[in-house]
Amino acid sequence: MKRILFLISSICLSLHTSAATLLPLSPAQLKQMQVQWGHLQAQQEGLSASYPAEVVLPPTQTRIVTAPQGGLITRLIVSVGDSVKQGQVIGQLSSPDLVALQSNYLQSDTQARLHEQALKRDQELFKDGIIAQRRMQETQSAYETSQAMMHERKQTLKLAGMSDGQIQQLAQKRSMQNGMAIIAPISGQIMEQQQQVGARVDMAMPIYTISNPTPLWLMIQVPIAQAQQLRPGAAVRLPKYNLTAKVDTVLRQLNKNNQTTQVRATISQGAEQLSVGQVVDVALVEQTAQGSFAVPRSAVARQGEQAVIFVQQAKGIAVTPVKVMLEQDQQLTVQADLRGNETIAVQGVAALKGHWLGLGGE
């Protein structure tokens, strides 16, 4: 007898639930409830839970500007915080050593010219049979040695900060200069200034530190289970900043205290919104299953562990169960047996829930 009563109760409850899934509400009632409507949106991907990430500057994007030669700093054009372009003059250095380098270059250039003339002359004499082959070979060797010396000293001037144009002008006008420009090797921002105007510096002493803050790295702490599913190129979102980064690599080093590992992602577009050393919340982009939809948080009503949305139909409002897959601020990703073109209630859901539960409101 108890079994029969239990079956009857189950059938009645099932019928009551089935009847309650369609709310026969008129447009006037819906207006009174202040119900507003929106369209269901198919969701191909969703976001995971939030994970902490530190903003890091890649080491390849920092350069130390050093003194090309020993001397006296006579001018510094930029200071900490200024933005500079690659090749921009950012200071001036007066160097007696540069004068000696230019003098050596001019001497080698003169020797190279003389040996070139001697080689042309001996080549003609050798053709006419006037000189021996050995003498022509000696002249050829002297010419090649002088050329090598001249190119070596030219390269030294380049290392000292002189451009090809300045070296060419030096060779033509034979006029030496005792000052040289300090040039920015990369575009970026001045992060540190190690010297002041009037300081005497030795060769290779640091003057400025320049960093290019684009792109940046995100070092993300991710549980090992999620990290093992990531591949290079996977997307990472920064919801607060509406930015996207791309996974570069997963570090094979586990934090034994919390069983997380570091995932490195690169962010290029919008990196100027972030600062090095900043800690931000990020979420991994995950592929959602078929039948997943994005809905506003306000569109979902909960009753215990059950979640439902209210779908507009010709005969009323259908109370449709959904499974909440991902939650992100004011948007949820849900799974439901729907086509994807339905119209759902996005406001006034509390009143609809009350009517569904027979409360007349909440």
Protein backbone atom coordinates (compact mmCIF):
# COMPACT_ATOMS: atom_id res chain seq x y z
CA MET A 1 0.00 0.00 0.00
CA LYS A 2 2.84 2.41 0.87
CA ARG A 3 4.48 1.67 -2.48
CA ILE A 4 1.22 2.53 -4.31
CA LEU A 5 0.84 5.78 -2.38
CA PHE A 6 4.45 6.70 -3.20
CA LEU A 7 3.90 6.07 -6.92
CA ILE A 8 0.68 8.14 -6.88
CA SER A 9 2.48 11.00 -5.12
CA SER A 10 5.34 10.87 -7.66
CA ILE A 11 2.92 10.97 -10.60
CA CYS A 12 1.03 13.93 -9.11
CA LEU A 13 4.28 15.80 -8.47
CA SER A 14 5.40 15.08 -12.04
CA LEU A 15 2.12 16.38 -13.45
CA HIS A 16 2.32 19.49 -11.27
CA THR A 17 5.88 20.17 -12.46
CA SER A 18 4.93 19.65 -16.10
CA ALA A 19 2.01 22.02 -15.78
CA ALA A 20 4.16 24.59 -14.05
CA THR A 21 6.71 24.72 -16.87
CA LEU A 22 4.40 26.95 -18.95
CA LEU A 23 3.19 30.20 -17.44
CA PRO A 24 0.07 31.48 -19.28
CA LEU A 25 0.73 35.17 -18.73
CA SER A 26 -0.86 37.93 -20.77
CA PRO A 27 1.06 40.90 -22.21
CA ALA A 28 -0.64 43.12 -19.62
CA GLN A 29 0.60 40.91 -16.79
CA LEU A 30 4.12 40.85 -18.20
CA LYS A 31 4.09 44.64 -18.50
CA GLN A 32 2.93 44.92 -14.91
CA MET A 33 5.81 42.65 -13.86
CA GLN A 34 8.19 44.96 -15.80
CA VAL A 35 9.55 42.02 -17.77
CA GLN A 36 12.13 42.92 -20.42
CA TRP A 37 13.30 40.60 -23.17
CA GLY A 38 16.57 39.72 -24.85
CA HIS A 39 17.84 37.20 -27.36
CA LEU A 40 19.62 33.98 -26.51
CA GLN A 41 23.21 33.88 -27.80
CA ALA A 42 25.04 30.70 -28.76
CA GLN A 43 28.36 30.44 -26.92
CA GLN A 44 31.30 28.70 -28.60
CA GLU A 45 33.73 29.36 -25.77
CA GLY A 46 33.66 30.34 -22.13
CA LEU A 47 35.98 31.43 -19.37
CA SER A 48 37.44 29.42 -16.54
CA ALA A 49 37.73 30.54 -12.95
CA SER A 50 40.04 33.49 -12.27
CA TYR A 51 43.73 32.90 -11.65
CA PRO A 52 46.34 35.43 -10.43
CA ALA A 53 49.01 36.60 -12.88
CA GLU A 54 52.02 38.90 -12.53
CA VAL A 55 52.86 41.33 -15.33
CA VAL A 56 56.50 40.82 -16.33
CA LEU A 57 58.74 42.63 -18.80
CA PRO A 58 60.52 40.21 -21.19
CA PRO A 59 64.30 40.51 -20.68
CA THR A 60 64.87 40.93 -24.43
CA GLN A 61 63.09 44.29 -24.31
CA THR A 62 65.53 46.10 -22.03
CA ARG A 63 68.73 47.81 -23.18
CA ILE A 64 71.50 49.51 -21.21
CA VAL A 65 72.84 52.61 -22.98
CA THR A 66 76.55 52.79 -22.25
CA ALA A 67 79.27 55.31 -22.95
CA PRO A 68 80.78 54.45 -26.37
CA GLN A 69 84.09 55.96 -25.22
CA GLY A 70 85.55 57.44 -22.07
CA GLY A 71 84.89 61.15 -21.70
CA LEU A 72 82.73 63.92 -20.24
CA ILE A 73 78.92 63.95 -20.50
CA THR A 74 78.09 67.43 -21.80
CA ARG A 75 74.36 66.99 -22.45
CA LEU A 76 71.50 64.65 -21.54
CA ILE A 77 68.29 65.30 -23.47
CA VAL A 78 65.85 62.87 -21.83
CA SER A 79 65.11 61.74 -18.29
CA VAL A 80 63.28 58.96 -16.45
CA GLY A 81 59.77 58.39 -17.81
CA ASP A 82 60.38 59.92 -21.24
CA SER A 83 59.57 57.92 -24.37
CA VAL A 84 62.27 57.63 -27.03
CA LYS A 85 62.52 56.26 -30.56
CA GLN A 86 65.20 53.93 -31.87
CA GLY A 87 68.09 56.00 -33.29
CA GLN A 88 67.08 59.15 -31.41
CA VAL A 89 69.89 61.32 -29.98
CA ILE A 90 69.47 61.29 -26.19
CA GLY A 91 72.74 62.84 -25.06
CA GLN A 92 76.18 64.16 -25.97
CA LEU A 93 79.63 63.01 -24.89
CA SER A 94 82.95 64.86 -25.24
CA SER A 95 85.79 62.37 -25.63
CA PRO A 96 89.54 62.95 -26.18
CA ASP A 97 89.76 59.22 -26.96
CA LEU A 98 87.55 59.81 -29.99
CA VAL A 99 90.08 62.25 -31.41
CA ALA A 100 92.80 59.60 -31.20
CA LEU A 101 90.54 57.03 -32.89
CA GLN A 102 89.78 59.44 -35.73
CA SER A 103 93.46 60.24 -36.15
CA ASN A 104 94.31 56.54 -36.38
CA TYR A 105 91.57 56.05 -38.95
CA LEU A 106 92.77 58.95 -41.10
CA GLN A 107 96.32 57.57 -41.05
CA SER A 108 95.14 54.11 -42.10
CA ASP A 109 92.90 55.64 -44.77
CA THR A 110 95.86 57.59 -46.18
CA GLN A 111 98.05 54.47 -46.18
CA ALA A 112 95.32 52.48 -47.92
CA ARG A 113 95.03 55.12 -50.67
CA LEU A 114 98.81 55.17 -51.22
CA HIS A 115 99.01 51.37 -51.40
CA GLU A 116 96.08 51.31 -53.81
CA GLN A 117 97.90 53.72 -56.14
CA ALA A 118 101.12 51.69 -55.83
CA LEU A 119 99.25 48.49 -56.69
CA LYS A 120 97.71 50.01 -59.84
CA ARG A 121 101.12 51.29 -60.95
CA ASP A 122 102.88 47.93 -60.37
CA GLN A 123 100.10 46.05 -62.13
CA GLU A 124 100.73 48.13 -65.26
CA LEU A 125 104.50 47.69 -64.95
CA PHE A 126 104.08 43.94 -64.51
CA LYS A 127 101.93 43.73 -67.66
CA ASP A 128 104.68 45.49 -69.59
CA GLY A 129 107.30 43.11 -68.17
CA ILE A 130 109.22 45.89 -66.44
CA ILE A 131 109.01 44.49 -62.87
CA ALA A 132 109.14 40.95 -61.53
CA GLN A 133 106.10 39.07 -60.32
CA ARG A 134 107.50 38.96 -56.80
CA ARG A 135 107.50 42.76 -56.51
CA MET A 136 103.90 42.91 -57.73
CA GLN A 137 102.90 40.29 -55.15
CA GLU A 138 104.61 42.27 -52.37
CA THR A 139 102.73 45.39 -53.42
CA GLN A 140 99.46 43.37 -53.51
CA SER A 141 100.14 42.11 -49.96
CA ALA A 142 100.89 45.61 -48.67
CA TYR A 143 97.68 46.89 -50.24
CA GLU A 144 95.55 44.15 -48.62
CA THR A 145 97.17 44.75 -45.22
CA SER A 146 96.46 48.48 -45.41
CA GLN A 147 92.86 47.83 -46.43
CA ALA A 148 92.36 45.47 -43.49
CA MET A 149 93.81 48.05 -41.09
CA MET A 150 91.62 50.79 -42.50
CA HIS A 151 88.43 48.67 -42.15
CA GLU A 152 89.40 47.67 -38.63
CA ARG A 153 89.77 51.30 -37.52
CA LYS A 154 86.56 52.22 -39.32
CA GLN A 155 84.77 49.54 -37.34
CA THR A 156 86.29 50.94 -34.15
CA LEU A 157 84.79 54.34 -34.95
CA LYS A 158 81.39 52.70 -35.46
CA LEU A 159 81.66 51.05 -32.05
CA ALA A 160 82.54 54.46 -30.66
CA GLY A 161 79.19 55.76 -31.92
CA MET A 162 80.03 57.33 -35.27
CA SER A 163 77.71 56.63 -38.19
CA ASP A 164 78.77 55.67 -41.71
CA GLY A 165 77.89 59.17 -42.87
CA GLN A 166 80.06 60.79 -40.20
CA ILE A 167 82.98 58.51 -41.03
CA GLN A 168 82.63 59.27 -44.74
CA GLN A 169 82.57 62.99 -43.98
CA LEU A 170 85.68 62.58 -41.81
CA ALA A 171 87.52 60.86 -44.69
CA GLN A 172 86.51 63.59 -47.16
CA LYS A 173 86.99 66.73 -45.07
CA ARG A 174 89.79 65.39 -42.82
CA SER A 175 88.23 67.39 -39.97
CA MET A 176 88.02 65.62 -36.60
CA GLN A 177 85.38 66.10 -33.91
CA ASN A 178 85.79 65.66 -30.17
CA GLY A 179 82.12 65.02 -29.34
CA MET A 180 79.77 62.15 -30.10
CA ALA A 181 76.04 61.59 -29.83
CA ILE A 182 74.52 59.10 -27.40
CA ILE A 183 71.91 57.16 -29.38
CA ALA A 184 68.85 55.20 -28.18
CA PRO A 185 69.30 51.58 -29.34
CA ILE A 186 65.58 50.73 -29.11
CA SER A 187 62.24 52.47 -28.86
CA GLY A 188 60.78 52.52 -25.37
CA GLN A 189 60.69 54.38 -22.09
CA ILE A 190 63.60 55.64 -19.99
CA MET A 191 63.40 53.52 -16.83
CA GLU A 192 66.61 54.61 -15.13
CA GLN A 193 69.25 57.34 -15.47
CA GLN A 194 72.63 56.35 -14.04
CA GLN A 195 74.68 59.49 -14.90
CA GLN A 196 74.30 63.25 -14.74
CA VAL A 197 75.57 66.07 -16.96
CA GLY A 198 79.21 66.81 -16.11
CA ALA A 199 80.04 63.27 -15.07
CA ARG A 200 83.23 61.70 -16.37
CA VAL A 201 82.66 58.18 -17.59
CA ASP A 202 84.79 55.32 -18.80
CA MET A 203 84.01 53.29 -21.88
CA ALA A 204 80.94 50.99 -21.42
CA MET A 205 79.75 52.72 -18.24
CA PRO A 206 75.89 52.72 -18.09
CA ILE A 207 74.12 56.03 -18.73
CA TYR A 208 70.46 55.07 -19.29
CA THR A 209 68.23 51.99 -19.04
CA ILE A 210 65.53 51.81 -21.73
CA SER A 211 62.66 49.32 -21.72
CA ASN A 212 60.05 48.70 -24.39
CA PRO A 213 56.81 47.77 -22.53
CA THR A 214 55.16 46.12 -25.53
CA PRO A 215 54.61 43.23 -25.54
CA LEU A 216 54.45 42.08 -21.91
CA TRP A 217 54.40 38.66 -20.29
CA LEU A 218 51.78 37.33 -17.89
CA MET A 219 53.11 34.73 -15.44
CA ILE A 220 49.91 32.92 -14.44
CA GLN A 221 49.51 30.54 -11.49
CA VAL A 222 47.33 27.70 -12.82
CA PRO A 223 46.34 24.39 -11.18
CA ILE A 224 48.29 21.53 -12.72
CA ALA A 225 45.13 19.82 -14.04
CA GLN A 226 44.17 22.88 -16.11
CA ALA A 227 47.75 23.65 -17.12
CA GLN A 228 48.23 20.20 -18.65
CA GLN A 229 45.39 20.93 -21.09
CA LEU A 230 46.93 24.16 -22.37
CA ARG A 231 48.86 24.41 -25.62
CA PRO A 232 50.87 27.30 -27.15
CA GLY A 233 48.49 29.77 -28.78
CA ALA A 234 45.62 29.18 -26.34
CA ALA A 235 43.78 32.37 -25.43
CA VAL A 236 43.80 34.00 -22.00
CA ARG A 237 41.44 36.85 -21.09
CA LEU A 238 41.78 39.76 -18.70
CA PRO A 239 38.07 40.50 -18.11
CA LYS A 240 38.64 43.70 -16.11
CA TYR A 241 40.66 45.25 -18.94
CA ASN A 242 38.91 43.53 -21.88
CA LEU A 243 42.30 42.27 -23.11
CA THR A 244 43.46 38.98 -24.61
CA ALA A 245 46.83 37.24 -24.30
CA LYS A 246 48.26 34.13 -25.97
CA VAL A 247 49.89 31.23 -24.12
CA ASP A 248 53.60 30.79 -24.95
CA THR A 249 54.61 27.93 -22.73
CA VAL A 250 53.77 25.97 -19.59
CA LEU A 251 56.69 25.82 -17.16
CA ARG A 252 57.49 22.30 -16.02
CA GLN A 253 58.00 23.29 -12.42
CA LEU A 254 55.33 22.61 -9.80
CA ASN A 255 54.70 24.61 -6.63
CA LYS A 256 54.43 21.82 -4.06
CA ASN A 257 52.54 24.02 -1.58
CA ASN A 258 49.47 24.66 -3.75
CA GLN A 259 50.02 22.28 -6.69
CA THR A 260 50.06 25.05 -9.29
CA THR A 261 52.46 25.72 -12.12
CA GLN A 262 53.31 28.87 -14.05
CA VAL A 263 51.88 29.50 -17.50
CA ARG A 264 53.52 32.26 -19.54
CA ALA A 265 51.33 34.25 -21.91
CA THR A 266 52.19 37.23 -24.12
CA ILE A 267 49.99 40.30 -24.40
CA SER A 268 50.58 42.79 -27.23
CA GLN A 269 47.40 44.72 -27.96
CA GLY A 270 46.52 46.98 -25.03
CA ALA A 271 49.69 46.23 -23.06
CA GLU A 272 49.98 49.95 -22.28
CA GLN A 273 47.07 49.53 -19.82
CA LEU A 274 49.26 47.36 -17.59
CA SER A 275 52.34 48.06 -15.48
CA VAL A 276 55.32 45.81 -14.84
CA GLY A 277 54.97 44.12 -11.46
CA GLN A 278 51.18 44.48 -11.41
CA VAL A 279 49.10 41.47 -10.30
CA VAL A 280 45.92 40.92 -12.33
CA ASP A 281 43.16 38.33 -12.53
CA VAL A 282 42.99 36.30 -15.74
CA ALA A 283 40.79 33.51 -17.04
CA LEU A 284 41.53 30.74 -19.50
CA VAL A 285 39.36 30.55 -22.61
CA GLU A 286 37.68 27.13 -22.72
CA GLN A 287 35.69 25.53 -25.50
CA THR A 288 32.07 24.98 -24.48
CA ALA A 289 29.89 22.00 -25.35
CA GLN A 290 27.15 22.08 -27.99
CA GLY A 291 23.99 23.70 -26.70
CA SER A 292 25.85 26.32 -24.66
CA PHE A 293 24.52 29.86 -24.50
CA ALA A 294 25.60 33.17 -23.02
CA VAL A 295 22.93 34.85 -20.88
CA PRO A 296 22.94 37.80 -18.47
CA ARG A 297 23.18 36.84 -14.82
CA SER A 298 19.85 38.62 -14.30
CA ALA A 299 18.15 36.16 -16.69
CA VAL A 300 18.79 33.10 -14.50
CA ALA A 301 16.54 32.24 -11.56
CA ARG A 302 17.65 29.70 -8.98
CA GLN A 303 15.56 27.47 -6.78
CA GLY A 304 17.82 25.42 -4.56
CA GLU A 305 20.30 23.70 -6.87
CA GLN A 306 18.02 24.17 -9.89
CA ALA A 307 18.58 27.03 -12.35
CA VAL A 308 15.99 28.11 -14.94
CA ILE A 309 15.44 30.76 -17.58
CA PHE A 310 12.10 32.05 -18.86
CA VAL A 311 11.59 31.59 -22.60
CA GLN A 312 8.91 33.50 -24.52
CA GLN A 313 6.50 31.25 -26.46
CA ALA A 314 3.20 31.76 -28.30
CA LYS A 315 1.13 30.18 -25.51
CA GLY A 316 3.00 31.62 -22.56
CA ILE A 317 6.33 31.70 -20.79
CA ALA A 318 8.25 28.41 -20.68
CA VAL A 319 10.22 27.73 -17.51
CA THR A 320 13.33 26.07 -18.99
CA PRO A 321 15.90 24.29 -16.80
CA VAL A 322 19.52 25.14 -17.55
CA LYS A 323 22.88 23.96 -16.32
CA VAL A 324 25.27 26.74 -15.36
CA MET A 325 28.70 25.90 -16.79
CA LEU A 326 30.74 29.09 -16.28
CA GLU A 327 30.17 32.29 -14.32
CA GLN A 328 31.86 35.57 -15.17
CA ASP A 329 30.79 38.84 -13.56
CA GLN A 330 27.40 39.68 -15.09
CA GLN A 331 27.40 36.91 -17.72
CA LEU A 332 26.80 33.20 -17.38
CA THR A 333 27.38 30.33 -19.78
CA VAL A 334 24.55 27.80 -19.56
CA GLN A 335 23.60 24.56 -21.28
CA ALA A 336 19.99 23.99 -22.30
CA ASP A 337 17.92 22.03 -24.81
CA LEU A 338 17.19 25.06 -27.01
CA ARG A 339 17.72 26.06 -30.64
CA GLY A 340 19.52 29.30 -29.89
CA ASN A 341 17.12 31.82 -31.48
CA GLU A 342 14.73 32.05 -28.53
CA THR A 343 13.72 35.25 -26.74
CA ILE A 344 14.29 35.14 -22.98
CA ALA A 345 13.43 37.37 -20.04
CA VAL A 346 16.40 39.42 -18.88
CA GLN A 347 14.61 41.73 -16.42
CA GLY A 348 11.65 41.08 -14.16
CA VAL A 349 12.85 37.51 -13.61
CA ALA A 350 12.15 37.68 -9.85
CA ALA A 351 8.46 38.34 -10.51
CA LEU A 352 8.31 35.48 -13.02
CA LYS A 353 9.98 33.18 -10.52
CA GLY A 354 7.45 34.16 -7.86
CA HIS A 355 4.56 33.46 -10.24
CA TRP A 356 6.14 30.11 -11.16
CA LEU A 357 6.42 29.08 -7.53
CA GLY A 358 2.88 30.29 -6.82
CA LEU A 359 4.06 33.12 -4.60
CA GLY A 360 2.79 35.99 -6.70
CA GLY A 361 6.20 37.72 -6.40
CA GLU A 362 9.23 37.74 -4.15
